[in-house]
């Protein structure tokens, strides 16, 4: 249950959102283009960050670049 303490977990790295043009999902409500986010966990295709809603969300890596 690693997701229970992601808010307190140390930041793995920081990434910058480069776009919110999603093909399937609406991400512009949770991400802001140009904003830097702290990565709390990472998988092969997702970053888990604390988004604009204040919750941890998983987003495809193609929305971000290294900050």
Protein backbone atom coordinates (compact mmCIF):
# COMPACT_ATOMS: atom_id res chain seq x y z
CA UNK A 1 0.00 0.00 0.00
CA UNK A 2 2.68 2.44 -1.06
CA UNK A 3 0.04 4.90 -2.31
CA UNK A 4 -1.13 5.62 1.26
CA UNK A 5 1.98 7.68 2.12
CA UNK A 6 2.94 9.31 -1.21
CA UNK A 7 2.24 12.81 0.13
CA UNK A 8 4.94 12.38 2.79
CA UNK A 9 7.36 10.44 0.56
CA UNK A 10 10.51 12.21 -0.60
CA UNK A 11 10.53 13.59 -4.11
CA UNK A 12 12.23 11.35 -6.68
CA UNK A 13 12.78 14.17 -9.21
CA UNK A 14 11.06 17.19 -10.70
CA UNK A 15 9.41 17.34 -14.11
CA UNK A 16 7.89 20.18 -16.12
CA UNK A 17 4.54 19.81 -17.89
CA UNK A 18 5.07 20.58 -21.59
CA UNK A 19 1.51 20.06 -22.88
CA UNK A 20 -1.98 19.00 -21.86
CA UNK A 21 -3.18 17.81 -25.28
CA UNK A 22 -4.54 14.40 -24.38
CA UNK A 23 -5.99 12.08 -27.00
CA UNK A 24 -8.26 10.17 -24.61
CA UNK A 25 -8.52 11.93 -21.27
CA UNK A 26 -9.01 15.48 -19.99
CA UNK A 27 -5.81 16.39 -18.20
CA UNK A 28 -5.90 20.20 -18.37
CA UNK A 29 -7.98 20.23 -15.17
CA UNK A 30 -5.23 18.45 -13.23
CA UNK A 31 -2.08 19.76 -14.99
CA UNK A 32 -0.91 23.22 -15.95
CA UNK A 33 1.36 23.63 -18.93
CA UNK A 34 4.72 25.08 -17.87
CA UNK A 35 4.35 24.16 -14.18
CA UNK A 36 6.98 22.04 -12.40
CA UNK A 37 5.72 19.02 -10.47
CA UNK A 38 7.40 16.75 -7.93
CA UNK A 39 7.51 13.08 -8.88
CA UNK A 40 6.61 10.84 -5.96
CA UNK A 41 6.84 7.52 -7.85
CA UNK A 42 7.67 6.43 -11.37
CA UNK A 43 6.91 3.40 -13.53
CA UNK A 44 7.89 2.53 -17.06
CA UNK A 45 5.18 4.70 -18.63
CA UNK A 46 3.77 6.86 -15.81
CA UNK A 47 4.83 9.58 -13.38
CA UNK A 48 2.89 9.77 -10.12
CA UNK A 49 2.76 13.41 -9.04
CA UNK A 50 0.74 15.65 -6.76
CA UNK A 51 -1.38 17.45 -9.34
CA UNK A 52 -3.40 20.69 -9.19
CA UNK A 53 -6.19 18.98 -7.26
CA UNK A 54 -3.81 18.23 -4.38
CA UNK A 55 -4.06 14.48 -4.90
CA UNK A 56 -1.54 12.03 -6.27
CA UNK A 57 -2.30 11.19 -9.88
CA UNK A 58 -0.62 9.03 -12.50
CA UNK A 59 0.08 10.65 -15.86
CA UNK A 60 1.80 9.46 -19.02
CA UNK A 61 5.43 10.55 -19.27
CA UNK A 62 4.88 12.22 -22.64
CA UNK A 63 3.22 15.20 -20.90
CA UNK A 64 6.51 16.06 -19.16
CA UNK A 65 10.17 16.81 -19.61
CA UNK A 66 12.98 16.82 -17.04
CA UNK A 67 13.09 20.05 -15.05
